[in-house]
Amino acid sequence: MKILKRRLNKKYYTKRWKDLQQYCSSRKTWPKALQEADELLDRALKKRHYKGKTMGERLVTAQHDLSENEVVWFSHKYCQKLEGIDVRTLKKKDMLRALAGFRQALRDLGALNHD
């Protein structure tokens, strides 16, 4: 039996995505951008009724619906490592890879358009 997945409000997710991109302009605020992207993806997972007590559990439940599952896991784990880290040690390529993973997952879940 397939569970009916709820549609997401693309306007809401698109606005939140554009808002968090403002934090990408400075290395100091990269962690904020990634944290907000992680929270946005978790919200989408919850709204789509993926089961799990934690975001990690919800990602496992959603893995067959995510086209870039490994990159999404990198994104989530990278975001978790950012607490208390010196922002000067962050690499732009890692931050961009993490954001791309979050964006693709949000697209796969129907929260953002494929443009």
PDB file of N, CA and C in Angstrom:
ATOM      1  N   MET A   1       0.841  -1.185   0.000  1.00  0.00           N
ATOM      2  CA  MET A   1       0.000   0.000   0.000  1.00  0.00           C
ATOM      3  C   MET A   1       0.885   1.248   0.000  1.00  0.00           C
ATOM      4  N   LYS A   2       0.710   2.094  -0.957  1.00  0.00           N
ATOM      5  CA  LYS A   2       1.503   3.315  -1.072  1.00  0.00           C
ATOM      6  C   LYS A   2       0.846   4.448  -0.282  1.00  0.00           C
ATOM      7  N   ILE A   3       1.658   5.149   0.478  1.00  0.00           N
ATOM      8  CA  ILE A   3       1.149   6.263   1.280  1.00  0.00           C
ATOM      9  C   ILE A   3       1.058   7.500   0.395  1.00  0.00           C
ATOM     10  N   LEU A   4      -0.065   8.174   0.439  1.00  0.00           N
ATOM     11  CA  LEU A   4      -0.258   9.402  -0.318  1.00  0.00           C
ATOM     12  C   LEU A   4       0.602  10.508   0.292  1.00  0.00           C
ATOM     13  N   LYS A   5       1.451  11.100  -0.509  1.00  0.00           N
ATOM     14  CA  LYS A   5       2.339  12.160  -0.028  1.00  0.00           C
ATOM     15  C   LYS A   5       1.706  13.523  -0.288  1.00  0.00           C
ATOM     16  N   ARG A   6       1.767  14.357   0.702  1.00  0.00           N
ATOM     17  CA  ARG A   6       1.170  15.680   0.642  1.00  0.00           C
ATOM     18  C   ARG A   6       1.975  16.611  -0.263  1.00  0.00           C
ATOM     19  N   ARG A   7       1.283  17.452  -1.006  1.00  0.00           N
ATOM     20  CA  ARG A   7       1.954  18.471  -1.834  1.00  0.00           C
ATOM     21  C   ARG A   7       2.505  19.574  -0.932  1.00  0.00           C
ATOM     22  N   LEU A   8       3.587  20.160  -1.389  1.00  0.00           N
ATOM     23  CA  LEU A   8       4.227  21.221  -0.606  1.00  0.00           C
ATOM     24  C   LEU A   8       3.967  22.578  -1.249  1.00  0.00           C
ATOM     25  N   ASN A   9       3.966  23.611  -0.428  1.00  0.00           N
ATOM     26  CA  ASN A   9       3.755  24.977  -0.875  1.00  0.00           C
ATOM     27  C   ASN A   9       5.062  25.504  -1.481  1.00  0.00           C
ATOM     28  N   LYS A  10       5.175  25.429  -2.799  1.00  0.00           N
ATOM     29  CA  LYS A  10       6.414  25.823  -3.474  1.00  0.00           C
ATOM     30  C   LYS A  10       6.763  27.288  -3.248  1.00  0.00           C
ATOM     31  N   LYS A  11       5.754  28.147  -3.151  1.00  0.00           N
ATOM     32  CA  LYS A  11       6.032  29.575  -2.917  1.00  0.00           C
ATOM     33  C   LYS A  11       6.762  29.766  -1.587  1.00  0.00           C
ATOM     34  N   TYR A  12       6.300  29.078  -0.559  1.00  0.00           N
ATOM     35  CA  TYR A  12       6.922  29.166   0.769  1.00  0.00           C
ATOM     36  C   TYR A  12       8.377  28.692   0.714  1.00  0.00           C
ATOM     37  N   TYR A  13       8.598  27.507   0.131  1.00  0.00           N
ATOM     38  CA  TYR A  13       9.949  26.941   0.098  1.00  0.00           C
ATOM     39  C   TYR A  13      10.880  27.757  -0.792  1.00  0.00           C
ATOM     40  N   THR A  14      10.361  28.267  -1.909  1.00  0.00           N
ATOM     41  CA  THR A  14      11.177  29.098  -2.803  1.00  0.00           C
ATOM     42  C   THR A  14      11.599  30.388  -2.100  1.00  0.00           C
ATOM     43  N   LYS A  15      10.672  31.009  -1.380  1.00  0.00           N
ATOM     44  CA  LYS A  15      11.016  32.238  -0.642  1.00  0.00           C
ATOM     45  C   LYS A  15      12.057  31.958   0.428  1.00  0.00           C
ATOM     46  N   ARG A  16      11.857  30.899   1.196  1.00  0.00           N
ATOM     47  CA  ARG A  16      12.827  30.548   2.246  1.00  0.00           C
ATOM     48  C   ARG A  16      14.199  30.231   1.644  1.00  0.00           C
ATOM     49  N   TRP A  17      14.207  29.550   0.495  1.00  0.00           N
ATOM     50  CA  TRP A  17      15.469  29.211  -0.165  1.00  0.00           C
ATOM     51  C   TRP A  17      16.187  30.484  -0.608  1.00  0.00           C
ATOM     52  N   LYS A  18      15.449  31.405  -1.215  1.00  0.00           N
ATOM     53  CA  LYS A  18      16.057  32.674  -1.652  1.00  0.00           C
ATOM     54  C   LYS A  18      16.565  33.475  -0.450  1.00  0.00           C
ATOM     55  N   ASP A  19      15.807  33.463   0.640  1.00  0.00           N
ATOM     56  CA  ASP A  19      16.225  34.180   1.852  1.00  0.00           C
ATOM     57  C   ASP A  19      17.530  33.616   2.408  1.00  0.00           C
ATOM     58  N   LEU A  20      17.655  32.316   2.463  1.00  0.00           N
ATOM     59  CA  LEU A  20      18.864  31.735   3.053  1.00  0.00           C
ATOM     60  C   LEU A  20      20.082  31.924   2.149  1.00  0.00           C
ATOM     61  N   GLN A  21      19.865  32.107   0.862  1.00  0.00           N
ATOM     62  CA  GLN A  21      20.985  32.336  -0.048  1.00  0.00           C
ATOM     63  C   GLN A  21      21.718  33.647   0.254  1.00  0.00           C
ATOM     64  N   GLN A  22      21.050  34.571   0.906  1.00  0.00           N
ATOM     65  CA  GLN A  22      21.695  35.833   1.293  1.00  0.00           C
ATOM     66  C   GLN A  22      22.863  35.591   2.239  1.00  0.00           C
ATOM     67  N   TYR A  23      22.805  34.486   2.983  1.00  0.00           N
ATOM     68  CA  TYR A  23      23.873  34.159   3.930  1.00  0.00           C
ATOM     69  C   TYR A  23      25.099  33.566   3.245  1.00  0.00           C
ATOM     70  N   CYS A  24      25.028  33.329   1.947  1.00  0.00           N
ATOM     71  CA  CYS A  24      26.141  32.720   1.223  1.00  0.00           C
ATOM     72  C   CYS A  24      27.215  33.728   0.822  1.00  0.00           C
ATOM     73  N   SER A  25      26.937  34.990   0.972  1.00  0.00           N
ATOM     74  CA  SER A  25      27.870  36.017   0.517  1.00  0.00           C
ATOM     75  C   SER A  25      29.082  36.178   1.432  1.00  0.00           C
ATOM     76  N   SER A  26      28.984  35.725   2.664  1.00  0.00           N
ATOM     77  CA  SER A  26      30.091  35.883   3.606  1.00  0.00           C
ATOM     78  C   SER A  26      30.389  34.564   4.310  1.00  0.00           C
ATOM     79  N   ARG A  27      31.658  34.234   4.415  1.00  0.00           N
ATOM     80  CA  ARG A  27      32.080  33.008   5.099  1.00  0.00           C
ATOM     81  C   ARG A  27      31.534  32.953   6.523  1.00  0.00           C
ATOM     82  N   LYS A  28      31.413  34.103   7.157  1.00  0.00           N
ATOM     83  CA  LYS A  28      30.904  34.152   8.535  1.00  0.00           C
ATOM     84  C   LYS A  28      29.482  33.620   8.647  1.00  0.00           C
ATOM     85  N   THR A  29      28.693  33.798   7.593  1.00  0.00           N
ATOM     86  CA  THR A  29      27.290  33.406   7.657  1.00  0.00           C
ATOM     87  C   THR A  29      26.984  32.113   6.899  1.00  0.00           C
ATOM     88  N   TRP A  30      28.013  31.454   6.356  1.00  0.00           N
ATOM     89  CA  TRP A  30      27.787  30.170   5.688  1.00  0.00           C
ATOM     90  C   TRP A  30      27.094  29.168   6.611  1.00  0.00           C
ATOM     91  N   PRO A  31      27.537  29.043   7.871  1.00  0.00           N
ATOM     92  CA  PRO A  31      26.853  28.086   8.752  1.00  0.00           C
ATOM     93  C   PRO A  31      25.355  28.375   8.892  1.00  0.00           C
ATOM     94  N   LYS A  32      24.979  29.652   8.911  1.00  0.00           N
ATOM     95  CA  LYS A  32      23.568  30.037   9.019  1.00  0.00           C
ATOM     96  C   LYS A  32      22.808  29.565   7.773  1.00  0.00           C
ATOM     97  N   ALA A  33      23.400  29.743   6.602  1.00  0.00           N
ATOM     98  CA  ALA A  33      22.758  29.300   5.356  1.00  0.00           C
ATOM     99  C   ALA A  33      22.545  27.792   5.377  1.00  0.00           C
ATOM    100  N   LEU A  34      23.560  27.058   5.785  1.00  0.00           N
ATOM    101  CA  LEU A  34      23.461  25.603   5.810  1.00  0.00           C
ATOM    102  C   LEU A  34      22.472  25.120   6.857  1.00  0.00           C
ATOM    103  N   GLN A  35      22.469  25.767   8.019  1.00  0.00           N
ATOM    104  CA  GLN A  35      21.535  25.392   9.077  1.00  0.00           C
ATOM    105  C   GLN A  35      20.087  25.602   8.623  1.00  0.00           C
ATOM    106  N   GLU A  36      19.844  26.720   7.970  1.00  0.00           N
ATOM    107  CA  GLU A  36      18.491  27.002   7.487  1.00  0.00           C
ATOM    108  C   GLU A  36      18.082  26.037   6.375  1.00  0.00           C
ATOM    109  N   ALA A  37      19.029  25.663   5.511  1.00  0.00           N
ATOM    110  CA  ALA A  37      18.727  24.697   4.454  1.00  0.00           C
ATOM    111  C   ALA A  37      18.400  23.331   5.064  1.00  0.00           C
ATOM    112  N   ASP A  38      19.145  22.941   6.080  1.00  0.00           N
ATOM    113  CA  ASP A  38      18.912  21.674   6.770  1.00  0.00           C
ATOM    114  C   ASP A  38      17.523  21.675   7.418  1.00  0.00           C
ATOM    115  N   GLU A  39      17.181  22.771   8.081  1.00  0.00           N
ATOM    116  CA  GLU A  39      15.870  22.889   8.723  1.00  0.00           C
ATOM    117  C   GLU A  39      14.746  22.886   7.682  1.00  0.00           C
ATOM    118  N   LEU A  40      14.983  23.532   6.550  1.00  0.00           N
ATOM    119  CA  LEU A  40      13.978  23.591   5.488  1.00  0.00           C
ATOM    120  C   LEU A  40      13.721  22.194   4.916  1.00  0.00           C
ATOM    121  N   LEU A  41      14.789  21.432   4.712  1.00  0.00           N
ATOM    122  CA  LEU A  41      14.619  20.070   4.223  1.00  0.00           C
ATOM    123  C   LEU A  41      13.886  19.214   5.252  1.00  0.00           C
ATOM    124  N   ASP A  42      14.231  19.357   6.515  1.00  0.00           N
ATOM    125  CA  ASP A  42      13.550  18.575   7.545  1.00  0.00           C
ATOM    126  C   ASP A  42      12.063  18.912   7.585  1.00  0.00           C
ATOM    127  N   ARG A  43      11.741  20.170   7.429  1.00  0.00           N
ATOM    128  CA  ARG A  43      10.326  20.576   7.408  1.00  0.00           C
ATOM    129  C   ARG A  43       9.594  19.910   6.235  1.00  0.00           C
ATOM    130  N   ALA A  44      10.259  19.894   5.074  1.00  0.00           N
ATOM    131  CA  ALA A  44       9.644  19.274   3.896  1.00  0.00           C
ATOM    132  C   ALA A  44       9.449  17.773   4.116  1.00  0.00           C
ATOM    133  N   LEU A  45      10.418  17.125   4.734  1.00  0.00           N
ATOM    134  CA  LEU A  45      10.288  15.693   5.024  1.00  0.00           C
ATOM    135  C   LEU A  45       9.105  15.431   5.952  1.00  0.00           C
ATOM    136  N   LYS A  46       8.966  16.271   6.968  1.00  0.00           N
ATOM    137  CA  LYS A  46       7.847  16.119   7.902  1.00  0.00           C
ATOM    138  C   LYS A  46       6.513  16.359   7.199  1.00  0.00           C
ATOM    139  N   LYS A  47       6.450  17.412   6.394  1.00  0.00           N
ATOM    140  CA  LYS A  47       5.202  17.743   5.689  1.00  0.00           C
ATOM    141  C   LYS A  47       4.796  16.642   4.713  1.00  0.00           C
ATOM    142  N   ARG A  48       5.794  15.975   4.150  1.00  0.00           N
ATOM    143  CA  ARG A  48       5.516  14.877   3.215  1.00  0.00           C
ATOM    144  C   ARG A  48       5.284  13.566   3.963  1.00  0.00           C
ATOM    145  N   HIS A  49       5.259  13.623   5.273  1.00  0.00           N
ATOM    146  CA  HIS A  49       4.942  12.480   6.147  1.00  0.00           C
ATOM    147  C   HIS A  49       5.947  11.335   6.095  1.00  0.00           C
ATOM    148  N   TYR A  50       7.230  11.671   5.962  1.00  0.00           N
ATOM    149  CA  TYR A  50       8.249  10.629   6.078  1.00  0.00           C
ATOM    150  C   TYR A  50       8.404  10.315   7.553  1.00  0.00           C
ATOM    151  N   LYS A  51       8.426   9.038   7.868  1.00  0.00           N
ATOM    152  CA  LYS A  51       8.463   8.598   9.263  1.00  0.00           C
ATOM    153  C   LYS A  51       9.873   8.703   9.844  1.00  0.00           C
ATOM    154  N   GLY A  52       9.921   8.946  11.152  1.00  0.00           N
ATOM    155  CA  GLY A  52      11.185   8.984  11.867  1.00  0.00           C
ATOM    156  C   GLY A  52      11.153  10.017  12.971  1.00  0.00           C
ATOM    157  N   LYS A  53      11.865   9.717  14.044  1.00  0.00           N
ATOM    158  CA  LYS A  53      11.925  10.652  15.174  1.00  0.00           C
ATOM    159  C   LYS A  53      12.938  11.760  14.931  1.00  0.00           C
ATOM    160  N   THR A  54      13.949  11.469  14.114  1.00  0.00           N
ATOM    161  CA  THR A  54      14.995  12.450  13.828  1.00  0.00           C
ATOM    162  C   THR A  54      15.047  12.699  12.324  1.00  0.00           C
ATOM    163  N   MET A  55      15.766  13.729  11.941  1.00  0.00           N
ATOM    164  CA  MET A  55      15.910  13.998  10.519  1.00  0.00           C
ATOM    165  C   MET A  55      16.651  12.852   9.842  1.00  0.00           C
ATOM    166  N   GLY A  56      17.639  12.286  10.513  1.00  0.00           N
ATOM    167  CA  GLY A  56      18.365  11.154   9.956  1.00  0.00           C
ATOM    168  C   GLY A  56      17.446   9.993   9.645  1.00  0.00           C
ATOM    169  N   GLU A  57      16.534   9.697  10.561  1.00  0.00           N
ATOM    170  CA  GLU A  57      15.577   8.613  10.331  1.00  0.00           C
ATOM    171  C   GLU A  57      14.642   8.948   9.170  1.00  0.00           C
ATOM    172  N   ARG A  58      14.247  10.209   9.079  1.00  0.00           N
ATOM    173  CA  ARG A  58      13.374  10.614   7.966  1.00  0.00           C
ATOM    174  C   ARG A  58      14.122  10.521   6.629  1.00  0.00           C
ATOM    175  N   LEU A  59      15.418  10.844   6.633  1.00  0.00           N
ATOM    176  CA  LEU A  59      16.208  10.725   5.406  1.00  0.00           C
ATOM    177  C   LEU A  59      16.313   9.267   4.960  1.00  0.00           C
ATOM    178  N   VAL A  60      16.461   8.360   5.909  1.00  0.00           N
ATOM    179  CA  VAL A  60      16.500   6.936   5.568  1.00  0.00           C
ATOM    180  C   VAL A  60      15.176   6.526   4.925  1.00  0.00           C
ATOM    181  N   THR A  61      14.073   6.979   5.498  1.00  0.00           N
ATOM    182  CA  THR A  61      12.751   6.657   4.963  1.00  0.00           C
ATOM    183  C   THR A  61      12.581   7.225   3.550  1.00  0.00           C
ATOM    184  N   ALA A  62      13.161   8.384   3.301  1.00  0.00           N
ATOM    185  CA  ALA A  62      12.978   9.079   2.017  1.00  0.00           C
ATOM    186  C   ALA A  62      14.018   8.698   0.966  1.00  0.00           C
ATOM    187  N   GLN A  63      15.009   7.899   1.330  1.00  0.00           N
ATOM    188  CA  GLN A  63      16.163   7.687   0.443  1.00  0.00           C
ATOM    189  C   GLN A  63      15.805   7.227  -0.970  1.00  0.00           C
ATOM    190  N   HIS A  64      14.743   6.476  -1.135  1.00  0.00           N
ATOM    191  CA  HIS A  64      14.384   6.004  -2.483  1.00  0.00           C
ATOM    192  C   HIS A  64      13.728   7.101  -3.323  1.00  0.00           C
ATOM    193  N   ASP A  65      13.340   8.184  -2.683  1.00  0.00           N
ATOM    194  CA  ASP A  65      12.732   9.310  -3.400  1.00  0.00           C
ATOM    195  C   ASP A  65      13.742  10.418  -3.684  1.00  0.00           C
ATOM    196  N   LEU A  66      14.964  10.251  -3.227  1.00  0.00           N
ATOM    197  CA  LEU A  66      15.997  11.283  -3.393  1.00  0.00           C
ATOM    198  C   LEU A  66      16.995  10.844  -4.465  1.00  0.00           C
ATOM    199  N   SER A  67      17.159  11.662  -5.483  1.00  0.00           N
ATOM    200  CA  SER A  67      18.029  11.301  -6.607  1.00  0.00           C
ATOM    201  C   SER A  67      19.512  11.374  -6.254  1.00  0.00           C
ATOM    202  N   GLU A  68      19.862  12.183  -5.285  1.00  0.00           N
ATOM    203  CA  GLU A  68      21.264  12.355  -4.887  1.00  0.00           C
ATOM    204  C   GLU A  68      21.407  12.033  -3.399  1.00  0.00           C
ATOM    205  N   ASN A  69      21.030  10.836  -3.014  1.00  0.00           N
ATOM    206  CA  ASN A  69      20.982  10.447  -1.602  1.00  0.00           C
ATOM    207  C   ASN A  69      22.311  10.662  -0.884  1.00  0.00           C
ATOM    208  N   GLU A  70      23.431  10.277  -1.506  1.00  0.00           N
ATOM    209  CA  GLU A  70      24.741  10.419  -0.854  1.00  0.00           C
ATOM    210  C   GLU A  70      25.093  11.883  -0.609  1.00  0.00           C
ATOM    211  N   VAL A  71      24.759  12.741  -1.550  1.00  0.00           N
ATOM    212  CA  VAL A  71      25.057  14.170  -1.398  1.00  0.00           C
ATOM    213  C   VAL A  71      24.170  14.782  -0.311  1.00  0.00           C
ATOM    214  N   VAL A  72      22.933  14.322  -0.231  1.00  0.00           N
ATOM    215  CA  VAL A  72      22.033  14.818   0.827  1.00  0.00           C
ATOM    216  C   VAL A  72      22.585  14.432   2.196  1.00  0.00           C
ATOM    217  N   TRP A  73      23.076  13.200   2.313  1.00  0.00           N
ATOM    218  CA  TRP A  73      23.670  12.781   3.592  1.00  0.00           C
ATOM    219  C   TRP A  73      24.912  13.605   3.912  1.00  0.00           C
ATOM    220  N   PHE A  74      25.741  13.881   2.890  1.00  0.00           N
ATOM    221  CA  PHE A  74      26.908  14.746   3.100  1.00  0.00           C
ATOM    222  C   PHE A  74      26.447  16.100   3.636  1.00  0.00           C
ATOM    223  N   SER A  75      25.419  16.653   3.010  1.00  0.00           N
ATOM    224  CA  SER A  75      24.903  17.966   3.397  1.00  0.00           C
ATOM    225  C   SER A  75      24.455  17.978   4.853  1.00  0.00           C
ATOM    226  N   HIS A  76      23.673  16.992   5.228  1.00  0.00           N
ATOM    227  CA  HIS A  76      23.140  16.925   6.591  1.00  0.00           C
ATOM    228  C   HIS A  76      24.273  16.735   7.606  1.00  0.00           C
ATOM    229  N   LYS A  77      25.194  15.833   7.328  1.00  0.00           N
ATOM    230  CA  LYS A  77      26.309  15.582   8.256  1.00  0.00           C
ATOM    231  C   LYS A  77      27.235  16.793   8.347  1.00  0.00           C
ATOM    232  N   TYR A  78      27.485  17.435   7.209  1.00  0.00           N
ATOM    233  CA  TYR A  78      28.340  18.626   7.188  1.00  0.00           C
ATOM    234  C   TYR A  78      27.719  19.727   8.040  1.00  0.00           C
ATOM    235  N   CYS A  79      26.433  19.895   7.921  1.00  0.00           N
ATOM    236  CA  CYS A  79      25.719  20.899   8.704  1.00  0.00           C
ATOM    237  C   CYS A  79      25.843  20.612  10.198  1.00  0.00           C
ATOM    238  N   GLN A  80      25.747  19.348  10.578  1.00  0.00           N
ATOM    239  CA  GLN A  80      25.857  18.980  11.988  1.00  0.00           C
ATOM    240  C   GLN A  80      27.244  19.257  12.544  1.00  0.00           C
ATOM    241  N   LYS A  81      28.280  19.171  11.696  1.00  0.00           N
ATOM    242  CA  LYS A  81      29.655  19.403  12.143  1.00  0.00           C
ATOM    243  C   LYS A  81      29.976  20.879  12.359  1.00  0.00           C
ATOM    244  N   LEU A  82      29.116  21.769  11.877  1.00  0.00           N
ATOM    245  CA  LEU A  82      29.434  23.197  11.895  1.00  0.00           C
ATOM    246  C   LEU A  82      29.350  23.854  13.267  1.00  0.00           C
ATOM    247  N   GLU A  83      28.638  23.234  14.197  1.00  0.00           N
ATOM    248  CA  GLU A  83      28.485  23.849  15.515  1.00  0.00           C
ATOM    249  C   GLU A  83      29.840  23.959  16.200  1.00  0.00           C
ATOM    250  N   GLY A  84      30.197  25.166  16.561  1.00  0.00           N
ATOM    251  CA  GLY A  84      31.430  25.410  17.293  1.00  0.00           C
ATOM    252  C   GLY A  84      32.699  25.372  16.456  1.00  0.00           C
ATOM    253  N   ILE A  85      32.559  25.281  15.145  1.00  0.00           N
ATOM    254  CA  ILE A  85      33.735  25.226  14.280  1.00  0.00           C
ATOM    255  C   ILE A  85      34.173  26.639  13.900  1.00  0.00           C
ATOM    256  N   ASP A  86      35.457  26.831  13.714  1.00  0.00           N
ATOM    257  CA  ASP A  86      35.992  28.123  13.272  1.00  0.00           C
ATOM    258  C   ASP A  86      35.642  28.295  11.796  1.00  0.00           C
ATOM    259  N   VAL A  87      34.871  29.321  11.478  1.00  0.00           N
ATOM    260  CA  VAL A  87      34.402  29.512  10.095  1.00  0.00           C
ATOM    261  C   VAL A  87      35.547  29.704   9.113  1.00  0.00           C
ATOM    262  N   ARG A  88      36.713  30.112   9.604  1.00  0.00           N
ATOM    263  CA  ARG A  88      37.853  30.306   8.698  1.00  0.00           C
ATOM    264  C   ARG A  88      38.332  28.979   8.104  1.00  0.00           C
ATOM    265  N   THR A  89      37.958  27.859   8.722  1.00  0.00           N
ATOM    266  CA  THR A  89      38.384  26.549   8.224  1.00  0.00           C
ATOM    267  C   THR A  89      37.421  25.974   7.189  1.00  0.00           C
ATOM    268  N   LEU A  90      36.300  26.629   6.978  1.00  0.00           N
ATOM    269  CA  LEU A  90      35.304  26.123   6.020  1.00  0.00           C
ATOM    270  C   LEU A  90      35.798  26.309   4.596  1.00  0.00           C
ATOM    271  N   LYS A  91      35.511  25.321   3.768  1.00  0.00           N
ATOM    272  CA  LYS A  91      35.890  25.379   2.358  1.00  0.00           C
ATOM    273  C   LYS A  91      34.650  25.694   1.526  1.00  0.00           C
ATOM    274  N   LYS A  92      34.821  26.619   0.595  1.00  0.00           N
ATOM    275  CA  LYS A  92      33.704  27.038  -0.244  1.00  0.00           C
ATOM    276  C   LYS A  92      33.129  25.862  -1.032  1.00  0.00           C
ATOM    277  N   LYS A  93      33.989  24.977  -1.538  1.00  0.00           N
ATOM    278  CA  LYS A  93      33.484  23.854  -2.338  1.00  0.00           C
ATOM    279  C   LYS A  93      32.601  22.932  -1.500  1.00  0.00           C
ATOM    280  N   ASP A  94      32.938  22.751  -0.209  1.00  0.00           N
ATOM    281  CA  ASP A  94      32.104  21.917   0.661  1.00  0.00           C
ATOM    282  C   ASP A  94      30.761  22.580   0.931  1.00  0.00           C
ATOM    283  N   MET A  95      30.794  23.887   1.168  1.00  0.00           N
ATOM    284  CA  MET A  95      29.560  24.628   1.422  1.00  0.00           C
ATOM    285  C   MET A  95      28.651  24.575   0.195  1.00  0.00           C
ATOM    286  N   LEU A  96      29.226  24.765  -0.992  1.00  0.00           N
ATOM    287  CA  LEU A  96      28.436  24.731  -2.226  1.00  0.00           C
ATOM    288  C   LEU A  96      27.884  23.331  -2.497  1.00  0.00           C
ATOM    289  N   ARG A  97      28.682  22.305  -2.224  1.00  0.00           N
ATOM    290  CA  ARG A  97      28.214  20.924  -2.406  1.00  0.00           C
ATOM    291  C   ARG A  97      27.048  20.633  -1.459  1.00  0.00           C
ATOM    292  N   ALA A  98      27.175  21.081  -0.205  1.00  0.00           N
ATOM    293  CA  ALA A  98      26.106  20.852   0.770  1.00  0.00           C
ATOM    294  C   ALA A  98      24.824  21.564   0.345  1.00  0.00           C
ATOM    295  N   LEU A  99      24.941  22.813  -0.069  1.00  0.00           N
ATOM    296  CA  LEU A  99      23.750  23.545  -0.508  1.00  0.00           C
ATOM    297  C   LEU A  99      23.123  22.900  -1.733  1.00  0.00           C
ATOM    298  N   ALA A 100      23.953  22.423  -2.651  1.00  0.00           N
ATOM    299  CA  ALA A 100      23.426  21.761  -3.848  1.00  0.00           C
ATOM    300  C   ALA A 100      22.669  20.487  -3.459  1.00  0.00           C
ATOM    301  N   GLY A 101      23.166  19.773  -2.467  1.00  0.00           N
ATOM    302  CA  GLY A 101      22.477  18.574  -1.995  1.00  0.00           C
ATOM    303  C   GLY A 101      21.128  18.890  -1.393  1.00  0.00           C
ATOM    304  N   PHE A 102      21.092  19.933  -0.567  1.00  0.00           N
ATOM    305  CA  PHE A 102      19.812  20.346   0.019  1.00  0.00           C
ATOM    306  C   PHE A 102      18.832  20.777  -1.065  1.00  0.00           C
ATOM    307  N   ARG A 103      19.323  21.562  -2.037  1.00  0.00           N
ATOM    308  CA  ARG A 103      18.453  22.048  -3.112  1.00  0.00           C
ATOM    309  C   ARG A 103      17.880  20.890  -3.925  1.00  0.00           C
ATOM    310  N   GLN A 104      18.730  19.910  -4.263  1.00  0.00           N
ATOM    311  CA  GLN A 104      18.248  18.775  -5.053  1.00  0.00           C
ATOM    312  C   GLN A 104      17.219  17.965  -4.271  1.00  0.00           C
ATOM    313  N   ALA A 105      17.456  17.776  -2.986  1.00  0.00           N
ATOM    314  CA  ALA A 105      16.491  17.035  -2.162  1.00  0.00           C
ATOM    315  C   ALA A 105      15.160  17.769  -2.117  1.00  0.00           C
ATOM    316  N   LEU A 106      15.200  19.078  -1.978  1.00  0.00           N
ATOM    317  CA  LEU A 106      13.964  19.866  -1.950  1.00  0.00           C
ATOM    318  C   LEU A 106      13.242  19.772  -3.297  1.00  0.00           C
ATOM    319  N   ARG A 107      14.009  19.728  -4.389  1.00  0.00           N
ATOM    320  CA  ARG A 107      13.394  19.556  -5.709  1.00  0.00           C
ATOM    321  C   ARG A 107      12.752  18.174  -5.814  1.00  0.00           C
ATOM    322  N   ASP A 108      13.479  17.151  -5.368  1.00  0.00           N
ATOM    323  CA  ASP A 108      12.960  15.788  -5.432  1.00  0.00           C
ATOM    324  C   ASP A 108      11.661  15.631  -4.648  1.00  0.00           C
ATOM    325  N   LEU A 109      11.546  16.366  -3.552  1.00  0.00           N
ATOM    326  CA  LEU A 109      10.354  16.277  -2.706  1.00  0.00           C
ATOM    327  C   LEU A 109       9.212  17.159  -3.213  1.00  0.00           C
ATOM    328  N   GLY A 110       9.483  17.954  -4.245  1.00  0.00           N
ATOM    329  CA  GLY A 110       8.450  18.813  -4.820  1.00  0.00           C
ATOM    330  C   GLY A 110       8.313  20.151  -4.116  1.00  0.00           C
ATOM    331  N   ALA A 111       9.341  20.532  -3.343  1.00  0.00           N
ATOM    332  CA  ALA A 111       9.292  21.810  -2.640  1.00  0.00           C
ATOM    333  C   ALA A 111       9.822  22.958  -3.504  1.00  0.00           C
ATOM    334  N   LEU A 112      10.749  22.642  -4.401  1.00  0.00           N
ATOM    335  CA  LEU A 112      11.312  23.642  -5.303  1.00  0.00           C
ATOM    336  C   LEU A 112      11.148  23.167  -6.741  1.00  0.00           C
ATOM    337  N   ASN A 113      11.076  24.114  -7.656  1.00  0.00           N
ATOM    338  CA  ASN A 113      10.983  23.781  -9.079  1.00  0.00           C
ATOM    339  C   ASN A 113      12.334  23.281  -9.600  1.00  0.00           C
ATOM    340  N   HIS A 114      12.290  22.456 -10.610  1.00  0.00           N
ATOM    341  CA  HIS A 114      13.510  21.997 -11.296  1.00  0.00           C
ATOM    342  C   HIS A 114      13.823  23.017 -12.383  1.00  0.00           C
ATOM    343  N   ASP A 115      14.589  24.054 -12.034  1.00  0.00           N
ATOM    344  CA  ASP A 115      14.910  25.066 -13.052  1.00  0.00           C
ATOM    345  C   ASP A 115      16.374  25.201 -13.261  1.00  0.00           C
TER     346      ASP A 115
END
